[in-house]
Amino acid sequence: MAPVPAGDAVRVRHYARDGSVFLGDDYLIKGVAGAILWRLLNDHQRTGRSLFSNRELRLDPALGLPEVADNLEARLILLQRRLRDRCDWLGIEKTGRGRFRLALTRPVTLHVEEAG
């Protein structure tokens, strides 16, 4: 079982128009990789889930992956690197072929932002 996040909650903002995700006031990522992270954080907050598969992401039409050559693995690697470089409390860890874990050590509050 994943550890329960502790400490001060981090405000995570999402702009649906371009998939941008901000951690606090700091820009993290946008596009499909941002939409993936937002989906993972929402699932985690709603159900406590931390284990995911590439297959379920491919089947989620809300992510906007192209049907041909979706490059999902490349997008996940980009997201994983960006999180590792910019964030010490949130990450994605590979757990097996086509499987990964969302690792959080701090709680989050999720906010959908309107176009501005």
PDB file of N, CA and C in Angstrom:
ATOM      1  N   MET A   1       0.846  -1.187   0.000  1.00  0.00           N
ATOM      2  CA  MET A   1       0.000   0.000   0.000  1.00  0.00           C
ATOM      3  C   MET A   1       0.883   1.240   0.000  1.00  0.00           C
ATOM      4  N   ALA A   2       0.492   2.247  -0.735  1.00  0.00           N
ATOM      5  CA  ALA A   2       1.246   3.489  -0.842  1.00  0.00           C
ATOM      6  C   ALA A   2       1.142   4.284   0.455  1.00  0.00           C
ATOM      7  N   PRO A   3       2.225   5.009   0.810  1.00  0.00           N
ATOM      8  CA  PRO A   3       2.149   5.832   2.016  1.00  0.00           C
ATOM      9  C   PRO A   3       1.116   6.940   1.852  1.00  0.00           C
ATOM     10  N   VAL A   4       0.507   7.317   2.962  1.00  0.00           N
ATOM     11  CA  VAL A   4      -0.482   8.382   2.950  1.00  0.00           C
ATOM     12  C   VAL A   4       0.257   9.713   2.886  1.00  0.00           C
ATOM     13  N   PRO A   5      -0.074  10.572   1.908  1.00  0.00           N
ATOM     14  CA  PRO A   5       0.593  11.868   1.825  1.00  0.00           C
ATOM     15  C   PRO A   5       0.394  12.682   3.108  1.00  0.00           C
ATOM     16  N   ALA A   6       1.454  13.371   3.526  1.00  0.00           N
ATOM     17  CA  ALA A   6       1.397  14.169   4.746  1.00  0.00           C
ATOM     18  C   ALA A   6       1.997  15.544   4.480  1.00  0.00           C
ATOM     19  N   GLY A   7       1.757  16.462   5.392  1.00  0.00           N
ATOM     20  CA  GLY A   7       2.297  17.811   5.257  1.00  0.00           C
ATOM     21  C   GLY A   7       1.268  18.754   4.679  1.00  0.00           C
ATOM     22  N   ASP A   8       1.735  19.936   4.320  1.00  0.00           N
ATOM     23  CA  ASP A   8       0.862  20.953   3.740  1.00  0.00           C
ATOM     24  C   ASP A   8       0.416  20.529   2.346  1.00  0.00           C
ATOM     25  N   ALA A   9      -0.853  20.751   2.063  1.00  0.00           N
ATOM     26  CA  ALA A   9      -1.385  20.423   0.741  1.00  0.00           C
ATOM     27  C   ALA A   9      -0.830  21.373  -0.310  1.00  0.00           C
ATOM     28  N   VAL A  10      -0.593  20.838  -1.483  1.00  0.00           N
ATOM     29  CA  VAL A  10      -0.123  21.625  -2.615  1.00  0.00           C
ATOM     30  C   VAL A  10      -1.302  21.850  -3.546  1.00  0.00           C
ATOM     31  N   ARG A  11      -1.488  23.083  -3.945  1.00  0.00           N
ATOM     32  CA  ARG A  11      -2.554  23.427  -4.885  1.00  0.00           C
ATOM     33  C   ARG A  11      -2.099  23.077  -6.297  1.00  0.00           C
ATOM     34  N   VAL A  12      -2.855  22.200  -6.954  1.00  0.00           N
ATOM     35  CA  VAL A  12      -2.560  21.813  -8.333  1.00  0.00           C
ATOM     36  C   VAL A  12      -3.669  22.390  -9.198  1.00  0.00           C
ATOM     37  N   ARG A  13      -3.265  23.194 -10.186  1.00  0.00           N
ATOM     38  CA  ARG A  13      -4.242  23.841 -11.076  1.00  0.00           C
ATOM     39  C   ARG A  13      -4.148  23.240 -12.469  1.00  0.00           C
ATOM     40  N   HIS A  14      -5.312  23.107 -13.101  1.00  0.00           N
ATOM     41  CA  HIS A  14      -5.386  22.540 -14.443  1.00  0.00           C
ATOM     42  C   HIS A  14      -6.212  23.454 -15.342  1.00  0.00           C
ATOM     43  N   TYR A  15      -5.677  23.734 -16.516  1.00  0.00           N
ATOM     44  CA  TYR A  15      -6.387  24.505 -17.536  1.00  0.00           C
ATOM     45  C   TYR A  15      -6.740  23.542 -18.665  1.00  0.00           C
ATOM     46  N   ALA A  16      -8.024  23.211 -18.779  1.00  0.00           N
ATOM     47  CA  ALA A  16      -8.469  22.203 -19.748  1.00  0.00           C
ATOM     48  C   ALA A  16      -8.214  22.625 -21.192  1.00  0.00           C
ATOM     49  N   ARG A  17      -8.217  23.924 -21.480  1.00  0.00           N
ATOM     50  CA  ARG A  17      -8.083  24.359 -22.881  1.00  0.00           C
ATOM     51  C   ARG A  17      -6.787  23.882 -23.520  1.00  0.00           C
ATOM     52  N   ASP A  18      -5.694  23.762 -22.737  1.00  0.00           N
ATOM     53  CA  ASP A  18      -4.436  23.292 -23.308  1.00  0.00           C
ATOM     54  C   ASP A  18      -3.762  22.215 -22.454  1.00  0.00           C
ATOM     55  N   GLY A  19      -4.455  21.749 -21.415  1.00  0.00           N
ATOM     56  CA  GLY A  19      -3.904  20.703 -20.564  1.00  0.00           C
ATOM     57  C   GLY A  19      -2.812  21.171 -19.623  1.00  0.00           C
ATOM     58  N   SER A  20      -2.635  22.483 -19.460  1.00  0.00           N
ATOM     59  CA  SER A  20      -1.582  23.002 -18.588  1.00  0.00           C
ATOM     60  C   SER A  20      -1.826  22.614 -17.136  1.00  0.00           C
ATOM     61  N   VAL A  21      -0.745  22.246 -16.460  1.00  0.00           N
ATOM     62  CA  VAL A  21      -0.802  21.917 -15.043  1.00  0.00           C
ATOM     63  C   VAL A  21       0.233  22.769 -14.315  1.00  0.00           C
ATOM     64  N   PHE A  22      -0.210  23.371 -13.221  1.00  0.00           N
ATOM     65  CA  PHE A  22       0.654  24.172 -12.365  1.00  0.00           C
ATOM     66  C   PHE A  22       0.674  23.545 -10.979  1.00  0.00           C
ATOM     67  N   LEU A  23       1.850  23.463 -10.383  1.00  0.00           N
ATOM     68  CA  LEU A  23       2.001  23.021  -9.002  1.00  0.00           C
ATOM     69  C   LEU A  23       2.242  24.278  -8.185  1.00  0.00           C
ATOM     70  N   GLY A  24       1.271  24.655  -7.367  1.00  0.00           N
ATOM     71  CA  GLY A  24       1.339  25.963  -6.731  1.00  0.00           C
ATOM     72  C   GLY A  24       1.240  27.005  -7.829  1.00  0.00           C
ATOM     73  N   ASP A  25       2.204  27.912  -7.871  1.00  0.00           N
ATOM     74  CA  ASP A  25       2.233  28.934  -8.921  1.00  0.00           C
ATOM     75  C   ASP A  25       3.196  28.587 -10.047  1.00  0.00           C
ATOM     76  N   ASP A  26       3.808  27.417  -9.981  1.00  0.00           N
ATOM     77  CA  ASP A  26       4.841  27.041 -10.946  1.00  0.00           C
ATOM     78  C   ASP A  26       4.284  26.150 -12.049  1.00  0.00           C
ATOM     79  N   TYR A  27       4.508  26.580 -13.291  1.00  0.00           N
ATOM     80  CA  TYR A  27       4.112  25.785 -14.454  1.00  0.00           C
ATOM     81  C   TYR A  27       4.883  24.474 -14.454  1.00  0.00           C
ATOM     82  N   LEU A  28       4.179  23.370 -14.748  1.00  0.00           N
ATOM     83  CA  LEU A  28       4.842  22.069 -14.836  1.00  0.00           C
ATOM     84  C   LEU A  28       4.854  21.529 -16.257  1.00  0.00           C
ATOM     85  N   ILE A  29       3.677  21.386 -16.864  1.00  0.00           N
ATOM     86  CA  ILE A  29       3.595  20.719 -18.164  1.00  0.00           C
ATOM     87  C   ILE A  29       2.231  21.007 -18.783  1.00  0.00           C
ATOM     88  N   LYS A  30       2.113  20.794 -20.100  1.00  0.00           N
ATOM     89  CA  LYS A  30       0.813  20.978 -20.753  1.00  0.00           C
ATOM     90  C   LYS A  30       0.601  19.900 -21.795  1.00  0.00           C
ATOM     91  N   GLY A  31      -0.517  19.983 -22.480  1.00  0.00           N
ATOM     92  CA  GLY A  31      -0.837  19.041 -23.542  1.00  0.00           C
ATOM     93  C   GLY A  31      -1.306  17.703 -22.997  1.00  0.00           C
ATOM     94  N   VAL A  32      -1.058  16.661 -23.761  1.00  0.00           N
ATOM     95  CA  VAL A  32      -1.513  15.332 -23.377  1.00  0.00           C
ATOM     96  C   VAL A  32      -0.858  14.890 -22.071  1.00  0.00           C
ATOM     97  N   ALA A  33       0.416  15.195 -21.882  1.00  0.00           N
ATOM     98  CA  ALA A  33       1.100  14.820 -20.636  1.00  0.00           C
ATOM     99  C   ALA A  33       0.433  15.500 -19.437  1.00  0.00           C
ATOM    100  N   GLY A  34       0.014  16.748 -19.590  1.00  0.00           N
ATOM    101  CA  GLY A  34      -0.701  17.447 -18.526  1.00  0.00           C
ATOM    102  C   GLY A  34      -2.061  16.810 -18.262  1.00  0.00           C
ATOM    103  N   ALA A  35      -2.749  16.428 -19.334  1.00  0.00           N
ATOM    104  CA  ALA A  35      -4.053  15.770 -19.177  1.00  0.00           C
ATOM    105  C   ALA A  35      -3.900  14.422 -18.480  1.00  0.00           C
ATOM    106  N   ILE A  36      -2.827  13.704 -18.773  1.00  0.00           N
ATOM    107  CA  ILE A  36      -2.567  12.425 -18.105  1.00  0.00           C
ATOM    108  C   ILE A  36      -2.353  12.649 -16.616  1.00  0.00           C
ATOM    109  N   LEU A  37      -1.496  13.593 -16.263  1.00  0.00           N
ATOM    110  CA  LEU A  37      -1.239  13.858 -14.847  1.00  0.00           C
ATOM    111  C   LEU A  37      -2.516  14.267 -14.131  1.00  0.00           C
ATOM    112  N   TRP A  38      -3.306  15.125 -14.747  1.00  0.00           N
ATOM    113  CA  TRP A  38      -4.558  15.564 -14.135  1.00  0.00           C
ATOM    114  C   TRP A  38      -5.491  14.379 -13.884  1.00  0.00           C
ATOM    115  N   ARG A  39      -5.573  13.481 -14.854  1.00  0.00           N
ATOM    116  CA  ARG A  39      -6.421  12.296 -14.684  1.00  0.00           C
ATOM    117  C   ARG A  39      -5.925  11.430 -13.529  1.00  0.00           C
ATOM    118  N   LEU A  40      -4.621  11.204 -13.465  1.00  0.00           N
ATOM    119  CA  LEU A  40      -4.061  10.382 -12.393  1.00  0.00           C
ATOM    120  C   LEU A  40      -4.326  11.003 -11.024  1.00  0.00           C
ATOM    121  N   LEU A  41      -4.110  12.305 -10.913  1.00  0.00           N
ATOM    122  CA  LEU A  41      -4.336  12.982  -9.629  1.00  0.00           C
ATOM    123  C   LEU A  41      -5.813  12.932  -9.231  1.00  0.00           C
ATOM    124  N   ASN A  42      -6.700  13.107 -10.198  1.00  0.00           N
ATOM    125  CA  ASN A  42      -8.135  13.027  -9.897  1.00  0.00           C
ATOM    126  C   ASN A  42      -8.535  11.633  -9.447  1.00  0.00           C
ATOM    127  N   ASP A  43      -8.060  10.609 -10.147  1.00  0.00           N
ATOM    128  CA  ASP A  43      -8.367   9.236  -9.745  1.00  0.00           C
ATOM    129  C   ASP A  43      -7.835   8.960  -8.345  1.00  0.00           C
ATOM    130  N   HIS A  44      -6.619   9.416  -8.090  1.00  0.00           N
ATOM    131  CA  HIS A  44      -6.018   9.204  -6.769  1.00  0.00           C
ATOM    132  C   HIS A  44      -6.834   9.907  -5.677  1.00  0.00           C
ATOM    133  N   GLN A  45      -7.230  11.137  -5.937  1.00  0.00           N
ATOM    134  CA  GLN A  45      -7.977  11.880  -4.930  1.00  0.00           C
ATOM    135  C   GLN A  45      -9.367  11.275  -4.704  1.00  0.00           C
ATOM    136  N   ARG A  46      -9.999  10.840  -5.777  1.00  0.00           N
ATOM    137  CA  ARG A  46     -11.347  10.302  -5.683  1.00  0.00           C
ATOM    138  C   ARG A  46     -11.388   8.917  -5.045  1.00  0.00           C
ATOM    139  N   THR A  47     -10.416   8.049  -5.383  1.00  0.00           N
ATOM    140  CA  THR A  47     -10.489   6.650  -4.951  1.00  0.00           C
ATOM    141  C   THR A  47      -9.314   6.186  -4.102  1.00  0.00           C
ATOM    142  N   GLY A  48      -8.251   6.991  -4.020  1.00  0.00           N
ATOM    143  CA  GLY A  48      -7.059   6.576  -3.299  1.00  0.00           C
ATOM    144  C   GLY A  48      -6.140   5.684  -4.116  1.00  0.00           C
ATOM    145  N   ARG A  49      -6.495   5.484  -5.353  1.00  0.00           N
ATOM    146  CA  ARG A  49      -5.736   4.628  -6.264  1.00  0.00           C
ATOM    147  C   ARG A  49      -4.378   5.228  -6.596  1.00  0.00           C
ATOM    148  N   SER A  50      -3.344   4.392  -6.676  1.00  0.00           N
ATOM    149  CA  SER A  50      -2.040   4.883  -7.092  1.00  0.00           C
ATOM    150  C   SER A  50      -1.420   4.032  -8.203  1.00  0.00           C
ATOM    151  N   LEU A  51      -1.988   2.874  -8.508  1.00  0.00           N
ATOM    152  CA  LEU A  51      -1.473   2.000  -9.564  1.00  0.00           C
ATOM    153  C   LEU A  51      -2.317   2.140 -10.827  1.00  0.00           C
ATOM    154  N   PHE A  52      -1.623   2.292 -11.955  1.00  0.00           N
ATOM    155  CA  PHE A  52      -2.292   2.528 -13.231  1.00  0.00           C
ATOM    156  C   PHE A  52      -1.610   1.723 -14.328  1.00  0.00           C
ATOM    157  N   SER A  53      -2.279   1.634 -15.485  1.00  0.00           N
ATOM    158  CA  SER A  53      -1.687   0.936 -16.623  1.00  0.00           C
ATOM    159  C   SER A  53      -1.741   1.809 -17.866  1.00  0.00           C
ATOM    160  N   ASN A  54      -0.790   1.569 -18.753  1.00  0.00           N
ATOM    161  CA  ASN A  54      -0.789   2.268 -20.035  1.00  0.00           C
ATOM    162  C   ASN A  54      -2.077   1.975 -20.806  1.00  0.00           C
ATOM    163  N   ARG A  55      -2.545   0.748 -20.714  1.00  0.00           N
ATOM    164  CA  ARG A  55      -3.739   0.346 -21.469  1.00  0.00           C
ATOM    165  C   ARG A  55      -4.952   1.197 -21.098  1.00  0.00           C
ATOM    166  N   GLU A  56      -5.158   1.416 -19.791  1.00  0.00           N
ATOM    167  CA  GLU A  56      -6.327   2.202 -19.400  1.00  0.00           C
ATOM    168  C   GLU A  56      -6.210   3.644 -19.890  1.00  0.00           C
ATOM    169  N   LEU A  57      -4.991   4.183 -19.950  1.00  0.00           N
ATOM    170  CA  LEU A  57      -4.824   5.538 -20.483  1.00  0.00           C
ATOM    171  C   LEU A  57      -5.134   5.568 -21.972  1.00  0.00           C
ATOM    172  N   ARG A  58      -4.693   4.551 -22.699  1.00  0.00           N
ATOM    173  CA  ARG A  58      -4.973   4.493 -24.139  1.00  0.00           C
ATOM    174  C   ARG A  58      -6.472   4.431 -24.423  1.00  0.00           C
ATOM    175  N   LEU A  59      -7.212   3.811 -23.526  1.00  0.00           N
ATOM    176  CA  LEU A  59      -8.651   3.647 -23.736  1.00  0.00           C
ATOM    177  C   LEU A  59      -9.474   4.840 -23.257  1.00  0.00           C
ATOM    178  N   ASP A  60      -8.841   5.830 -22.648  1.00  0.00           N
ATOM    179  CA  ASP A  60      -9.564   6.988 -22.113  1.00  0.00           C
ATOM    180  C   ASP A  60      -9.663   8.076 -23.186  1.00  0.00           C
ATOM    181  N   PRO A  61     -10.848   8.270 -23.786  1.00  0.00           N
ATOM    182  CA  PRO A  61     -10.983   9.262 -24.862  1.00  0.00           C
ATOM    183  C   PRO A  61     -10.777  10.699 -24.373  1.00  0.00           C
ATOM    184  N   ALA A  62     -10.948  10.954 -23.099  1.00  0.00           N
ATOM    185  CA  ALA A  62     -10.793  12.312 -22.567  1.00  0.00           C
ATOM    186  C   ALA A  62      -9.355  12.811 -22.647  1.00  0.00           C
ATOM    187  N   LEU A  63      -8.382  11.920 -22.793  1.00  0.00           N
ATOM    188  CA  LEU A  63      -6.977  12.338 -22.840  1.00  0.00           C
ATOM    189  C   LEU A  63      -6.573  12.906 -24.193  1.00  0.00           C
ATOM    190  N   GLY A  64      -7.331  12.601 -25.215  1.00  0.00           N
ATOM    191  CA  GLY A  64      -7.035  13.164 -26.531  1.00  0.00           C
ATOM    192  C   GLY A  64      -5.835  12.530 -27.222  1.00  0.00           C
ATOM    193  N   LEU A  65      -5.546  11.277 -26.907  1.00  0.00           N
ATOM    194  CA  LEU A  65      -4.458  10.593 -27.610  1.00  0.00           C
ATOM    195  C   LEU A  65      -4.883  10.312 -29.048  1.00  0.00           C
ATOM    196  N   PRO A  66      -3.991  10.530 -30.001  1.00  0.00           N
ATOM    197  CA  PRO A  66      -4.340  10.185 -31.381  1.00  0.00           C
ATOM    198  C   PRO A  66      -4.481   8.671 -31.521  1.00  0.00           C
ATOM    199  N   GLU A  67      -5.337   8.240 -32.432  1.00  0.00           N
ATOM    200  CA  GLU A  67      -5.577   6.806 -32.597  1.00  0.00           C
ATOM    201  C   GLU A  67      -4.372   6.086 -33.183  1.00  0.00           C
ATOM    202  N   VAL A  68      -3.609   6.778 -34.001  1.00  0.00           N
ATOM    203  CA  VAL A  68      -2.437   6.175 -34.635  1.00  0.00           C
ATOM    204  C   VAL A  68      -1.187   6.797 -34.015  1.00  0.00           C
ATOM    205  N   ALA A  69      -0.239   5.972 -33.635  1.00  0.00           N
ATOM    206  CA  ALA A  69       1.052   6.439 -33.112  1.00  0.00           C
ATOM    207  C   ALA A  69       0.876   7.443 -31.977  1.00  0.00           C
ATOM    208  N   ASP A  70       0.267   6.991 -30.894  1.00  0.00           N
ATOM    209  CA  ASP A  70      -0.042   7.902 -29.787  1.00  0.00           C
ATOM    210  C   ASP A  70       1.173   8.311 -28.965  1.00  0.00           C
ATOM    211  N   ASN A  71       2.286   7.584 -29.067  1.00  0.00           N
ATOM    212  CA  ASN A  71       3.505   7.907 -28.317  1.00  0.00           C
ATOM    213  C   ASN A  71       3.251   8.031 -26.821  1.00  0.00           C
ATOM    214  N   LEU A  72       2.365   7.213 -26.284  1.00  0.00           N
ATOM    215  CA  LEU A  72       2.040   7.286 -24.873  1.00  0.00           C
ATOM    216  C   LEU A  72       3.271   7.096 -24.002  1.00  0.00           C
ATOM    217  N   GLU A  73       4.104   6.111 -24.329  1.00  0.00           N
ATOM    218  CA  GLU A  73       5.300   5.866 -23.518  1.00  0.00           C
ATOM    219  C   GLU A  73       6.212   7.085 -23.495  1.00  0.00           C
ATOM    220  N   ALA A  74       6.384   7.739 -24.646  1.00  0.00           N
ATOM    221  CA  ALA A  74       7.220   8.941 -24.697  1.00  0.00           C
ATOM    222  C   ALA A  74       6.623  10.061 -23.846  1.00  0.00           C
ATOM    223  N   ARG A  75       5.323  10.194 -23.867  1.00  0.00           N
ATOM    224  CA  ARG A  75       4.657  11.228 -23.059  1.00  0.00           C
ATOM    225  C   ARG A  75       4.813  10.937 -21.569  1.00  0.00           C
ATOM    226  N   LEU A  76       4.712   9.657 -21.188  1.00  0.00           N
ATOM    227  CA  LEU A  76       4.902   9.287 -19.787  1.00  0.00           C
ATOM    228  C   LEU A  76       6.339   9.510 -19.330  1.00  0.00           C
ATOM    229  N   ILE A  77       7.302   9.220 -20.199  1.00  0.00           N
ATOM    230  CA  ILE A  77       8.712   9.462 -19.863  1.00  0.00           C
ATOM    231  C   ILE A  77       8.951  10.955 -19.685  1.00  0.00           C
ATOM    232  N   LEU A  78       8.404  11.780 -20.580  1.00  0.00           N
ATOM    233  CA  LEU A  78       8.529  13.232 -20.449  1.00  0.00           C
ATOM    234  C   LEU A  78       7.937  13.706 -19.121  1.00  0.00           C
ATOM    235  N   LEU A  79       6.753  13.221 -18.801  1.00  0.00           N
ATOM    236  CA  LEU A  79       6.102  13.604 -17.555  1.00  0.00           C
ATOM    237  C   LEU A  79       6.927  13.146 -16.357  1.00  0.00           C
ATOM    238  N   GLN A  80       7.416  11.933 -16.396  1.00  0.00           N
ATOM    239  CA  GLN A  80       8.240  11.404 -15.307  1.00  0.00           C
ATOM    240  C   GLN A  80       9.490  12.263 -15.101  1.00  0.00           C
ATOM    241  N   ARG A  81      10.161  12.620 -16.174  1.00  0.00           N
ATOM    242  CA  ARG A  81      11.375  13.456 -16.075  1.00  0.00           C
ATOM    243  C   ARG A  81      11.053  14.848 -15.560  1.00  0.00           C
ATOM    244  N   ARG A  82       9.982  15.429 -16.070  1.00  0.00           N
ATOM    245  CA  ARG A  82       9.606  16.773 -15.629  1.00  0.00           C
ATOM    246  C   ARG A  82       9.310  16.780 -14.138  1.00  0.00           C
ATOM    247  N   LEU A  83       8.580  15.767 -13.663  1.00  0.00           N
ATOM    248  CA  LEU A  83       8.276  15.674 -12.235  1.00  0.00           C
ATOM    249  C   LEU A  83       9.567  15.493 -11.424  1.00  0.00           C
ATOM    250  N   ARG A  84      10.452  14.633 -11.892  1.00  0.00           N
ATOM    251  CA  ARG A  84      11.714  14.390 -11.176  1.00  0.00           C
ATOM    252  C   ARG A  84      12.555  15.667 -11.089  1.00  0.00           C
ATOM    253  N   ASP A  85      12.577  16.446 -12.172  1.00  0.00           N
ATOM    254  CA  ASP A  85      13.394  17.659 -12.209  1.00  0.00           C
ATOM    255  C   ASP A  85      12.805  18.814 -11.410  1.00  0.00           C
ATOM    256  N   ARG A  86      11.484  18.872 -11.289  1.00  0.00           N
ATOM    257  CA  ARG A  86      10.847  20.058 -10.703  1.00  0.00           C
ATOM    258  C   ARG A  86      10.083  19.823  -9.411  1.00  0.00           C
ATOM    259  N   CYS A  87       9.989  18.583  -8.971  1.00  0.00           N
ATOM    260  CA  CYS A  87       9.102  18.301  -7.850  1.00  0.00           C
ATOM    261  C   CYS A  87       9.659  17.135  -7.031  1.00  0.00           C
ATOM    262  N   ASP A  88       9.847  17.345  -5.735  1.00  0.00           N
ATOM    263  CA  ASP A  88      10.389  16.271  -4.902  1.00  0.00           C
ATOM    264  C   ASP A  88       9.308  15.483  -4.153  1.00  0.00           C
ATOM    265  N   TRP A  89       8.054  15.816  -4.353  1.00  0.00           N
ATOM    266  CA  TRP A  89       6.977  15.166  -3.599  1.00  0.00           C
ATOM    267  C   TRP A  89       5.973  14.414  -4.479  1.00  0.00           C
ATOM    268  N   LEU A  90       6.173  14.463  -5.780  1.00  0.00           N
ATOM    269  CA  LEU A  90       5.247  13.835  -6.722  1.00  0.00           C
ATOM    270  C   LEU A  90       6.054  13.187  -7.835  1.00  0.00           C
ATOM    271  N   GLY A  91       5.717  11.950  -8.162  1.00  0.00           N
ATOM    272  CA  GLY A  91       6.440  11.281  -9.230  1.00  0.00           C
ATOM    273  C   GLY A  91       5.649  10.135  -9.824  1.00  0.00           C
ATOM    274  N   ILE A  92       6.207   9.590 -10.894  1.00  0.00           N
ATOM    275  CA  ILE A  92       5.661   8.411 -11.552  1.00  0.00           C
ATOM    276  C   ILE A  92       6.771   7.376 -11.557  1.00  0.00           C
ATOM    277  N   GLU A  93       6.462   6.201 -11.029  1.00  0.00           N
ATOM    278  CA  GLU A  93       7.443   5.119 -10.938  1.00  0.00           C
ATOM    279  C   GLU A  93       6.961   3.925 -11.740  1.00  0.00           C
ATOM    280  N   LYS A  94       7.798   3.437 -12.611  1.00  0.00           N
ATOM    281  CA  LYS A  94       7.461   2.238 -13.386  1.00  0.00           C
ATOM    282  C   LYS A  94       7.431   1.042 -12.440  1.00  0.00           C
ATOM    283  N   THR A  95       6.385   0.230 -12.543  1.00  0.00           N
ATOM    284  CA  THR A  95       6.260  -0.937 -11.663  1.00  0.00           C
ATOM    285  C   THR A  95       6.275  -2.254 -12.436  1.00  0.00           C
ATOM    286  N   GLY A  96       6.302  -2.169 -13.735  1.00  0.00           N
ATOM    287  CA  GLY A  96       6.301  -3.366 -14.577  1.00  0.00           C
ATOM    288  C   GLY A  96       5.976  -2.967 -15.996  1.00  0.00           C
ATOM    289  N   ARG A  97       5.920  -3.940 -16.856  1.00  0.00           N
ATOM    290  CA  ARG A  97       5.624  -3.659 -18.259  1.00  0.00           C
ATOM    291  C   ARG A  97       4.223  -3.074 -18.390  1.00  0.00           C
ATOM    292  N   GLY A  98       4.173  -1.829 -18.860  1.00  0.00           N
ATOM    293  CA  GLY A  98       2.886  -1.176 -19.071  1.00  0.00           C
ATOM    294  C   GLY A  98       2.179  -0.763 -17.800  1.00  0.00           C
ATOM    295  N   ARG A  99       2.893  -0.738 -16.681  1.00  0.00           N
ATOM    296  CA  ARG A  99       2.281  -0.381 -15.394  1.00  0.00           C
ATOM    297  C   ARG A  99       3.163   0.622 -14.669  1.00  0.00           C
ATOM    298  N   PHE A 100       2.496   1.497 -13.900  1.00  0.00           N
ATOM    299  CA  PHE A 100       3.244   2.491 -13.145  1.00  0.00           C
ATOM    300  C   PHE A 100       2.454   2.929 -11.920  1.00  0.00           C
ATOM    301  N   ARG A 101       3.156   3.606 -11.024  1.00  0.00           N
ATOM    302  CA  ARG A 101       2.566   4.080  -9.775  1.00  0.00           C
ATOM    303  C   ARG A 101       2.695   5.605  -9.709  1.00  0.00           C
ATOM    304  N   LEU A 102       1.636   6.233  -9.260  1.00  0.00           N
ATOM    305  CA  LEU A 102       1.666   7.656  -8.939  1.00  0.00           C
ATOM    306  C   LEU A 102       2.119   7.745  -7.490  1.00  0.00           C
ATOM    307  N   ALA A 103       3.251   8.381  -7.251  1.00  0.00           N
ATOM    308  CA  ALA A 103       3.824   8.468  -5.903  1.00  0.00           C
ATOM    309  C   ALA A 103       3.696   9.901  -5.388  1.00  0.00           C
ATOM    310  N   LEU A 104       2.944  10.053  -4.312  1.00  0.00           N
ATOM    311  CA  LEU A 104       2.746  11.367  -3.677  1.00  0.00           C
ATOM    312  C   LEU A 104       3.201  11.283  -2.226  1.00  0.00           C
ATOM    313  N   THR A 105       3.956  12.275  -1.781  1.00  0.00           N
ATOM    314  CA  THR A 105       4.308  12.333  -0.366  1.00  0.00           C
ATOM    315  C   THR A 105       3.651  13.519   0.324  1.00  0.00           C
ATOM    316  N   ARG A 106       2.923  14.334  -0.440  1.00  0.00           N
ATOM    317  CA  ARG A 106       2.155  15.443   0.125  1.00  0.00           C
ATOM    318  C   ARG A 106       0.744  15.396  -0.439  1.00  0.00           C
ATOM    319  N   PRO A 107      -0.230  15.863   0.334  1.00  0.00           N
ATOM    320  CA  PRO A 107      -1.603  15.917  -0.198  1.00  0.00           C
ATOM    321  C   PRO A 107      -1.720  17.030  -1.243  1.00  0.00           C
ATOM    322  N   VAL A 108      -2.720  16.909  -2.085  1.00  0.00           N
ATOM    323  CA  VAL A 108      -2.973  17.929  -3.108  1.00  0.00           C
ATOM    324  C   VAL A 108      -4.407  18.417  -3.015  1.00  0.00           C
ATOM    325  N   THR A 109      -4.611  19.656  -3.437  1.00  0.00           N
ATOM    326  CA  THR A 109      -5.955  20.168  -3.673  1.00  0.00           C
ATOM    327  C   THR A 109      -6.016  20.494  -5.147  1.00  0.00           C
ATOM    328  N   LEU A 110      -7.025  19.982  -5.808  1.00  0.00           N
ATOM    329  CA  LEU A 110      -7.143  20.121  -7.257  1.00  0.00           C
ATOM    330  C   LEU A 110      -8.117  21.230  -7.613  1.00  0.00           C
ATOM    331  N   HIS A 111      -7.696  22.074  -8.557  1.00  0.00           N
ATOM    332  CA  HIS A 111      -8.504  23.217  -8.985  1.00  0.00           C
ATOM    333  C   HIS A 111      -8.540  23.259 -10.506  1.00  0.00           C
ATOM    334  N   VAL A 112      -9.736  23.292 -11.053  1.00  0.00           N
ATOM    335  CA  VAL A 112      -9.911  23.506 -12.494  1.00  0.00           C
ATOM    336  C   VAL A 112     -10.004  25.006 -12.709  1.00  0.00           C
ATOM    337  N   GLU A 113      -9.171  25.522 -13.587  1.00  0.00           N
ATOM    338  CA  GLU A 113      -9.147  26.953 -13.870  1.00  0.00           C
ATOM    339  C   GLU A 113      -9.867  27.226 -15.190  1.00  0.00           C
ATOM    340  N   GLU A 114     -10.577  28.306 -15.199  1.00  0.00           N
ATOM    341  CA  GLU A 114     -11.265  28.737 -16.423  1.00  0.00           C
ATOM    342  C   GLU A 114     -10.287  29.462 -17.323  1.00  0.00           C
ATOM    343  N   ALA A 115     -10.626  29.507 -18.605  1.00  0.00           N
ATOM    344  CA  ALA A 115      -9.783  30.259 -19.553  1.00  0.00           C
ATOM    345  C   ALA A 115      -9.732  31.720 -19.131  1.00  0.00           C
ATOM    346  N   GLY A 116      -8.559  32.290 -19.287  1.00  0.00           N
ATOM    347  CA  GLY A 116      -8.446  33.666 -18.809  1.00  0.00           C
ATOM    348  C   GLY A 116      -7.840  34.606 -19.746  1.00  0.00           C
TER     349      GLY A 116
END
